[in-house]
Amino acid sequence: MCQSCVVTLRATLFDMDGLLIDSEILWHKAELEIFGDLGVPISDTGDRSTKGMFVGEVVEYWFERFPWSGPSREEVVTVLLARVGDLVETEGRTLPGAQYAIDLCAQHGPLALASSTPLELIYRCLDHFGLRGYFQCVQSAEFEPFGKPHPGVFLSAAASLDVAAGDCLVIEDSAAGVLAGVAATMTVVAVPTPEDAGQPAFAEADLILHSLCELSPAWMDERFGR
């Protein structure tokens, strides 16, 4: 029997980029600019393997494939984060259903945000959209030994809420995030983009939605024992 059918859930863990905020496209825009200036042909690869990774891992990923001279990888991380923050504040928007899902899940227990984005940028984004106050804790993979698909950031978020991992619902948009939630023994709702929906990892989710607007109060009531 599936986990979501036998576990009474107590808390919800949200990802941020590409789930609550349309920042995935802004990350890509910033990467095209910054890596392009370093001679990395990122626009030509069609490679989405870095989605959901911690930013330091993204920089390492591209450096291993197209090593550059000049700025250090640490400097590239700093420039990339600043550029994404600027883009979020000038071009960003919350995604359809984001506020609805936050409000619905808050009716069923405490909320945490668990993201691969560094904490300073998480706070910058949440504050820009007025969302920080909804989350009892905010956890970044920058403080974990590994980013998603390792479950560390989700396990730390659950511990911060004082809720057992198996009693948590994870809502994610990336394949890496889905795998991290599954590895953490959590119930997983996936909201993939159309271009990512065919990735095998999404079959591991307990529920797949096209949009956060589709998250059902009845489904939530059932999983949270109401």
C-alpha atoms as a PDB file:
ATOM      1  CA  MET A   1       0.000   0.000   0.000  1.00  0.00           C
ATOM      2  CA  CYS A   2       1.343   3.447  -0.808  1.00  0.00           C
ATOM      3  CA  GLN A   3       2.831   5.520   1.971  1.00  0.00           C
ATOM      4  CA  SER A   4       0.296   8.333   1.588  1.00  0.00           C
ATOM      5  CA  CYS A   5      -2.547   5.842   2.233  1.00  0.00           C
ATOM      6  CA  VAL A   6      -1.251   4.681   5.631  1.00  0.00           C
ATOM      7  CA  VAL A   7       0.467   7.739   7.143  1.00  0.00           C
ATOM      8  CA  THR A   8      -1.296  10.638   8.828  1.00  0.00           C
ATOM      9  CA  LEU A   9       0.678  13.695   7.818  1.00  0.00           C
ATOM     10  CA  ARG A  10       1.469  16.598  10.155  1.00  0.00           C
ATOM     11  CA  ALA A  11       3.509  19.191   8.228  1.00  0.00           C
ATOM     12  CA  THR A  12       4.250  20.426   4.700  1.00  0.00           C
ATOM     13  CA  LEU A  13       7.632  21.218   3.188  1.00  0.00           C
ATOM     14  CA  PHE A  14       7.710  23.456   0.112  1.00  0.00           C
ATOM     15  CA  ASP A  15      10.424  23.931  -2.461  1.00  0.00           C
ATOM     16  CA  MET A  16      10.706  27.515  -3.754  1.00  0.00           C
ATOM     17  CA  ASP A  17      12.253  27.997  -7.216  1.00  0.00           C
ATOM     18  CA  GLY A  18       9.918  26.898  -9.981  1.00  0.00           C
ATOM     19  CA  LEU A  19       7.208  25.948  -7.498  1.00  0.00           C
ATOM     20  CA  LEU A  20       6.199  29.083  -5.619  1.00  0.00           C
ATOM     21  CA  ILE A  21       8.167  31.597  -7.676  1.00  0.00           C
ATOM     22  CA  ASP A  22       8.856  31.606 -11.420  1.00  0.00           C
ATOM     23  CA  SER A  23      12.559  31.911 -10.650  1.00  0.00           C
ATOM     24  CA  GLU A  24      13.698  28.830 -12.614  1.00  0.00           C
ATOM     25  CA  ILE A  25      13.479  30.839 -15.837  1.00  0.00           C
ATOM     26  CA  LEU A  26      15.362  33.656 -14.121  1.00  0.00           C
ATOM     27  CA  TRP A  27      18.073  31.263 -12.935  1.00  0.00           C
ATOM     28  CA  HIS A  28      18.404  30.095 -16.538  1.00  0.00           C
ATOM     29  CA  LYS A  29      18.581  33.673 -17.780  1.00  0.00           C
ATOM     30  CA  ALA A  30      21.307  34.505 -15.265  1.00  0.00           C
ATOM     31  CA  GLU A  31      23.221  31.322 -16.148  1.00  0.00           C
ATOM     32  CA  LEU A  32      23.055  32.126 -19.862  1.00  0.00           C
ATOM     33  CA  GLU A  33      24.512  35.571 -19.184  1.00  0.00           C
ATOM     34  CA  ILE A  34      27.227  34.613 -16.708  1.00  0.00           C
ATOM     35  CA  PHE A  35      28.323  31.240 -18.060  1.00  0.00           C
ATOM     36  CA  GLY A  36      28.066  32.598 -21.591  1.00  0.00           C
ATOM     37  CA  ASP A  37      30.582  35.303 -20.708  1.00  0.00           C
ATOM     38  CA  LEU A  38      32.887  32.530 -19.470  1.00  0.00           C
ATOM     39  CA  GLY A  39      32.658  30.627 -22.759  1.00  0.00           C
ATOM     40  CA  VAL A  40      30.294  27.909 -21.549  1.00  0.00           C
ATOM     41  CA  PRO A  41      27.878  27.043 -24.405  1.00  0.00           C
ATOM     42  CA  ILE A  42      24.999  26.449 -22.010  1.00  0.00           C
ATOM     43  CA  SER A  43      22.385  27.696 -24.484  1.00  0.00           C
ATOM     44  CA  ASP A  44      23.418  25.006 -26.961  1.00  0.00           C
ATOM     45  CA  THR A  45      23.404  21.990 -24.650  1.00  0.00           C
ATOM     46  CA  GLY A  46      19.711  21.664 -23.851  1.00  0.00           C
ATOM     47  CA  ASP A  47      20.950  20.140 -20.589  1.00  0.00           C
ATOM     48  CA  ARG A  48      18.490  20.371 -17.656  1.00  0.00           C
ATOM     49  CA  SER A  49      20.575  18.123 -15.409  1.00  0.00           C
ATOM     50  CA  THR A  50      21.368  20.956 -13.007  1.00  0.00           C
ATOM     51  CA  LYS A  51      17.738  21.792 -12.140  1.00  0.00           C
ATOM     52  CA  GLY A  52      17.222  21.427  -8.400  1.00  0.00           C
ATOM     53  CA  MET A  53      20.962  21.367  -7.645  1.00  0.00           C
ATOM     54  CA  PHE A  54      22.666  23.639  -5.137  1.00  0.00           C
ATOM     55  CA  VAL A  55      24.241  26.624  -6.920  1.00  0.00           C
ATOM     56  CA  GLY A  56      27.779  25.540  -6.042  1.00  0.00           C
ATOM     57  CA  GLU A  57      27.106  22.167  -7.625  1.00  0.00           C
ATOM     58  CA  VAL A  58      25.800  23.891 -10.771  1.00  0.00           C
ATOM     59  CA  VAL A  59      29.002  25.908 -11.096  1.00  0.00           C
ATOM     60  CA  GLU A  60      31.105  22.775 -10.537  1.00  0.00           C
ATOM     61  CA  TYR A  61      29.021  20.876 -13.095  1.00  0.00           C
ATOM     62  CA  TRP A  62      29.723  23.399 -15.845  1.00  0.00           C
ATOM     63  CA  PHE A  63      33.361  23.974 -14.846  1.00  0.00           C
ATOM     64  CA  GLU A  64      34.071  20.241 -15.145  1.00  0.00           C
ATOM     65  CA  ARG A  65      32.656  20.215 -18.672  1.00  0.00           C
ATOM     66  CA  PHE A  66      33.869  23.611 -19.914  1.00  0.00           C
ATOM     67  CA  PRO A  67      36.667  24.827 -17.604  1.00  0.00           C
ATOM     68  CA  TRP A  68      37.287  28.563 -17.755  1.00  0.00           C
ATOM     69  CA  SER A  69      40.128  30.822 -16.738  1.00  0.00           C
ATOM     70  CA  GLY A  70      39.629  34.063 -14.853  1.00  0.00           C
ATOM     71  CA  PRO A  71      37.142  34.271 -11.981  1.00  0.00           C
ATOM     72  CA  SER A  72      37.172  31.487  -9.415  1.00  0.00           C
ATOM     73  CA  ARG A  73      34.199  29.205  -9.027  1.00  0.00           C
ATOM     74  CA  GLU A  74      33.413  30.912  -5.698  1.00  0.00           C
ATOM     75  CA  GLU A  75      33.345  34.295  -7.443  1.00  0.00           C
ATOM     76  CA  VAL A  76      31.037  32.924 -10.136  1.00  0.00           C
ATOM     77  CA  VAL A  77      28.653  31.665  -7.438  1.00  0.00           C
ATOM     78  CA  THR A  78      28.563  35.127  -5.851  1.00  0.00           C
ATOM     79  CA  VAL A  79      27.903  36.897  -9.155  1.00  0.00           C
ATOM     80  CA  LEU A  80      25.237  34.367 -10.140  1.00  0.00           C
ATOM     81  CA  LEU A  81      23.356  34.715  -6.865  1.00  0.00           C
ATOM     82  CA  ALA A  82      23.365  38.502  -7.049  1.00  0.00           C
ATOM     83  CA  ARG A  83      22.084  38.446 -10.613  1.00  0.00           C
ATOM     84  CA  VAL A  84      19.266  36.027  -9.801  1.00  0.00           C
ATOM     85  CA  GLY A  85      18.208  38.205  -6.890  1.00  0.00           C
ATOM     86  CA  ASP A  86      18.106  41.270  -9.120  1.00  0.00           C
ATOM     87  CA  LEU A  87      16.050  39.430 -11.726  1.00  0.00           C
ATOM     88  CA  VAL A  88      13.572  38.129  -9.146  1.00  0.00           C
ATOM     89  CA  GLU A  89      12.988  41.661  -7.877  1.00  0.00           C
ATOM     90  CA  THR A  90      12.561  43.152 -11.350  1.00  0.00           C
ATOM     91  CA  GLU A  91      10.925  40.340 -13.360  1.00  0.00           C
ATOM     92  CA  GLY A  92       9.785  37.665 -10.918  1.00  0.00           C
ATOM     93  CA  ARG A  93       6.244  36.650 -10.027  1.00  0.00           C
ATOM     94  CA  THR A  94       4.571  34.027  -7.909  1.00  0.00           C
ATOM     95  CA  LEU A  95       3.313  31.022  -9.835  1.00  0.00           C
ATOM     96  CA  PRO A  96      -0.395  30.153 -10.219  1.00  0.00           C
ATOM     97  CA  GLY A  97      -1.795  28.589  -7.075  1.00  0.00           C
ATOM     98  CA  ALA A  98       1.189  29.436  -4.880  1.00  0.00           C
ATOM     99  CA  GLN A  99      -0.722  31.508  -2.332  1.00  0.00           C
ATOM    100  CA  TYR A 100      -3.674  29.119  -2.481  1.00  0.00           C
ATOM    101  CA  ALA A 101      -1.452  26.103  -1.737  1.00  0.00           C
ATOM    102  CA  ILE A 102       0.352  27.884   1.090  1.00  0.00           C
ATOM    103  CA  ASP A 103      -2.952  28.870   2.695  1.00  0.00           C
ATOM    104  CA  LEU A 104      -4.437  25.387   2.246  1.00  0.00           C
ATOM    105  CA  CYS A 105      -1.413  23.591   3.669  1.00  0.00           C
ATOM    106  CA  ALA A 106      -1.176  26.038   6.587  1.00  0.00           C
ATOM    107  CA  GLN A 107      -4.665  24.909   7.615  1.00  0.00           C
ATOM    108  CA  HIS A 108      -3.291  21.380   8.007  1.00  0.00           C
ATOM    109  CA  GLY A 109      -0.147  22.004  10.050  1.00  0.00           C
ATOM    110  CA  PRO A 110       3.143  23.886  10.162  1.00  0.00           C
ATOM    111  CA  LEU A 111       5.017  24.818   6.992  1.00  0.00           C
ATOM    112  CA  ALA A 112       8.711  24.794   6.173  1.00  0.00           C
ATOM    113  CA  LEU A 113      10.582  25.857   3.079  1.00  0.00           C
ATOM    114  CA  ALA A 114      13.429  23.586   1.966  1.00  0.00           C
ATOM    115  CA  SER A 115      15.378  24.834  -1.030  1.00  0.00           C
ATOM    116  CA  SER A 116      18.684  24.333  -2.788  1.00  0.00           C
ATOM    117  CA  THR A 117      19.026  28.111  -2.981  1.00  0.00           C
ATOM    118  CA  PRO A 118      21.389  29.774  -0.471  1.00  0.00           C
ATOM    119  CA  LEU A 119      19.631  31.180   2.576  1.00  0.00           C
ATOM    120  CA  GLU A 120      20.375  34.841   1.879  1.00  0.00           C
ATOM    121  CA  LEU A 121      18.756  34.618  -1.546  1.00  0.00           C
ATOM    122  CA  ILE A 122      15.826  32.598  -0.186  1.00  0.00           C
ATOM    123  CA  TYR A 123      15.081  35.372   2.281  1.00  0.00           C
ATOM    124  CA  ARG A 124      15.495  38.011  -0.421  1.00  0.00           C
ATOM    125  CA  CYS A 125      12.923  36.240  -2.610  1.00  0.00           C
ATOM    126  CA  LEU A 126      10.458  35.478   0.183  1.00  0.00           C
ATOM    127  CA  ASP A 127      10.622  39.030   1.509  1.00  0.00           C
ATOM    128  CA  HIS A 128      10.085  40.472  -1.955  1.00  0.00           C
ATOM    129  CA  PHE A 129       6.823  38.541  -2.306  1.00  0.00           C
ATOM    130  CA  GLY A 130       5.776  38.836   1.354  1.00  0.00           C
ATOM    131  CA  LEU A 131       5.945  35.077   1.939  1.00  0.00           C
ATOM    132  CA  ARG A 132       8.524  34.616   4.695  1.00  0.00           C
ATOM    133  CA  GLY A 133       6.042  34.829   7.561  1.00  0.00           C
ATOM    134  CA  TYR A 134       4.109  31.766   6.403  1.00  0.00           C
ATOM    135  CA  PHE A 135       7.012  29.401   7.138  1.00  0.00           C
ATOM    136  CA  GLN A 136       7.921  28.291  10.639  1.00  0.00           C
ATOM    137  CA  CYS A 137      11.374  27.393   9.377  1.00  0.00           C
ATOM    138  CA  VAL A 138      13.423  27.983   6.243  1.00  0.00           C
ATOM    139  CA  GLN A 139      16.141  25.477   5.371  1.00  0.00           C
ATOM    140  CA  SER A 140      18.824  25.799   2.711  1.00  0.00           C
ATOM    141  CA  ALA A 141      20.901  23.018   1.166  1.00  0.00           C
ATOM    142  CA  GLU A 142      23.951  25.278   1.521  1.00  0.00           C
ATOM    143  CA  PHE A 143      24.201  23.945   5.079  1.00  0.00           C
ATOM    144  CA  GLU A 144      24.017  20.313   3.979  1.00  0.00           C
ATOM    145  CA  PRO A 145      26.891  18.100   2.810  1.00  0.00           C
ATOM    146  CA  PHE A 146      24.941  17.377  -0.382  1.00  0.00           C
ATOM    147  CA  GLY A 147      22.137  19.050  -2.320  1.00  0.00           C
ATOM    148  CA  LYS A 148      19.064  17.394  -3.772  1.00  0.00           C
ATOM    149  CA  PRO A 149      18.483  14.559  -4.714  1.00  0.00           C
ATOM    150  CA  HIS A 150      20.102  13.872  -1.330  1.00  0.00           C
ATOM    151  CA  PRO A 151      17.328  14.132   1.296  1.00  0.00           C
ATOM    152  CA  GLY A 152      19.383  16.162   3.783  1.00  0.00           C
ATOM    153  CA  VAL A 153      17.627  19.507   3.370  1.00  0.00           C
ATOM    154  CA  PHE A 154      14.195  17.903   3.820  1.00  0.00           C
ATOM    155  CA  LEU A 155      15.310  15.917   6.861  1.00  0.00           C
ATOM    156  CA  SER A 156      16.728  19.076   8.436  1.00  0.00           C
ATOM    157  CA  ALA A 157      13.503  20.954   7.744  1.00  0.00           C
ATOM    158  CA  ALA A 158      11.430  18.201   9.362  1.00  0.00           C
ATOM    159  CA  ALA A 159      13.711  18.212  12.393  1.00  0.00           C
ATOM    160  CA  SER A 160      13.363  21.995  12.664  1.00  0.00           C
ATOM    161  CA  LEU A 161       9.591  21.539  12.859  1.00  0.00           C
ATOM    162  CA  ASP A 162      10.014  18.671  15.350  1.00  0.00           C
ATOM    163  CA  VAL A 163       8.023  16.426  13.018  1.00  0.00           C
ATOM    164  CA  ALA A 164       9.088  12.923  11.966  1.00  0.00           C
ATOM    165  CA  ALA A 165      10.235  12.718   8.346  1.00  0.00           C
ATOM    166  CA  GLY A 166       7.572  10.161   7.474  1.00  0.00           C
ATOM    167  CA  ASP A 167       4.877  12.534   8.721  1.00  0.00           C
ATOM    168  CA  CYS A 168       5.799  15.263   6.224  1.00  0.00           C
ATOM    169  CA  LEU A 169       4.363  16.194   2.861  1.00  0.00           C
ATOM    170  CA  VAL A 170       6.859  17.518   0.297  1.00  0.00           C
ATOM    171  CA  ILE A 171       5.707  19.662  -2.629  1.00  0.00           C
ATOM    172  CA  GLU A 172       8.286  19.865  -5.419  1.00  0.00           C
ATOM    173  CA  ASP A 173       8.663  20.793  -9.070  1.00  0.00           C
ATOM    174  CA  SER A 174      12.023  19.186  -9.884  1.00  0.00           C
ATOM    175  CA  ALA A 175      13.003  15.572 -10.436  1.00  0.00           C
ATOM    176  CA  ALA A 176      15.879  15.971  -7.978  1.00  0.00           C
ATOM    177  CA  GLY A 177      13.477  17.302  -5.369  1.00  0.00           C
ATOM    178  CA  VAL A 178      11.055  14.416  -5.876  1.00  0.00           C
ATOM    179  CA  LEU A 179      13.861  11.909  -5.426  1.00  0.00           C
ATOM    180  CA  ALA A 180      15.027  13.750  -2.303  1.00  0.00           C
ATOM    181  CA  GLY A 181      11.542  13.621  -0.820  1.00  0.00           C
ATOM    182  CA  VAL A 182      11.185   9.920  -1.597  1.00  0.00           C
ATOM    183  CA  ALA A 183      14.606   9.221  -0.083  1.00  0.00           C
ATOM    184  CA  ALA A 184      13.472  11.059   3.052  1.00  0.00           C
ATOM    185  CA  THR A 185      10.459   8.669   3.278  1.00  0.00           C
ATOM    186  CA  MET A 186       8.052  11.595   2.869  1.00  0.00           C
ATOM    187  CA  THR A 187       4.818  11.803   0.897  1.00  0.00           C
ATOM    188  CA  VAL A 188       5.561  13.726  -2.306  1.00  0.00           C
ATOM    189  CA  VAL A 189       3.407  15.921  -4.507  1.00  0.00           C
ATOM    190  CA  ALA A 190       5.107  16.796  -7.804  1.00  0.00           C
ATOM    191  CA  VAL A 191       4.244  19.814  -9.936  1.00  0.00           C
ATOM    192  CA  PRO A 192       6.547  19.403 -12.952  1.00  0.00           C
ATOM    193  CA  THR A 193       6.718  21.776 -15.868  1.00  0.00           C
ATOM    194  CA  PRO A 194       5.444  20.337 -19.175  1.00  0.00           C
ATOM    195  CA  GLU A 195       8.998  20.007 -20.506  1.00  0.00           C
ATOM    196  CA  ASP A 196      10.119  18.065 -17.402  1.00  0.00           C
ATOM    197  CA  ALA A 197       7.013  15.916 -16.883  1.00  0.00           C
ATOM    198  CA  GLY A 198       8.393  12.949 -18.831  1.00  0.00           C
ATOM    199  CA  GLN A 199      11.341  12.414 -16.509  1.00  0.00           C
ATOM    200  CA  PRO A 200      11.135   8.984 -14.828  1.00  0.00           C
ATOM    201  CA  ALA A 201      11.642  10.409 -11.324  1.00  0.00           C
ATOM    202  CA  PHE A 202       8.176  11.926 -11.295  1.00  0.00           C
ATOM    203  CA  ALA A 203       6.632   8.445 -11.337  1.00  0.00           C
ATOM    204  CA  GLU A 204       7.944   8.106  -7.765  1.00  0.00           C
ATOM    205  CA  ALA A 205       5.651  10.889  -6.511  1.00  0.00           C
ATOM    206  CA  ASP A 206       2.436  10.080  -4.658  1.00  0.00           C
ATOM    207  CA  LEU A 207       0.531  12.723  -6.621  1.00  0.00           C
ATOM    208  CA  ILE A 208       1.328  14.660  -9.805  1.00  0.00           C
ATOM    209  CA  LEU A 209      -0.325  18.002 -10.524  1.00  0.00           C
ATOM    210  CA  HIS A 210      -0.184  20.363 -13.477  1.00  0.00           C
ATOM    211  CA  SER A 211      -0.441  23.368 -11.149  1.00  0.00           C
ATOM    212  CA  LEU A 212      -0.657  24.135  -7.445  1.00  0.00           C
ATOM    213  CA  CYS A 213      -4.201  25.273  -8.212  1.00  0.00           C
ATOM    214  CA  GLU A 214      -5.093  21.564  -8.474  1.00  0.00           C
ATOM    215  CA  LEU A 215      -4.131  20.714  -4.892  1.00  0.00           C
ATOM    216  CA  SER A 216      -7.399  19.417  -3.472  1.00  0.00           C
ATOM    217  CA  PRO A 217      -8.709  20.233   0.014  1.00  0.00           C
ATOM    218  CA  ALA A 218     -10.260  16.749   0.083  1.00  0.00           C
ATOM    219  CA  TRP A 219      -6.906  15.105  -0.732  1.00  0.00           C
ATOM    220  CA  MET A 220      -5.234  17.165   2.004  1.00  0.00           C
ATOM    221  CA  ASP A 221      -7.961  16.310   4.527  1.00  0.00           C
ATOM    222  CA  GLU A 222      -7.556  12.612   3.814  1.00  0.00           C
ATOM    223  CA  ARG A 223      -3.770  12.633   4.139  1.00  0.00           C
ATOM    224  CA  PHE A 224      -3.795  14.767   7.295  1.00  0.00           C
ATOM    225  CA  GLY A 225      -6.469  12.657   8.949  1.00  0.00           C
ATOM    226  CA  ARG A 226      -9.367  15.106   8.912  1.00  0.00           C
END
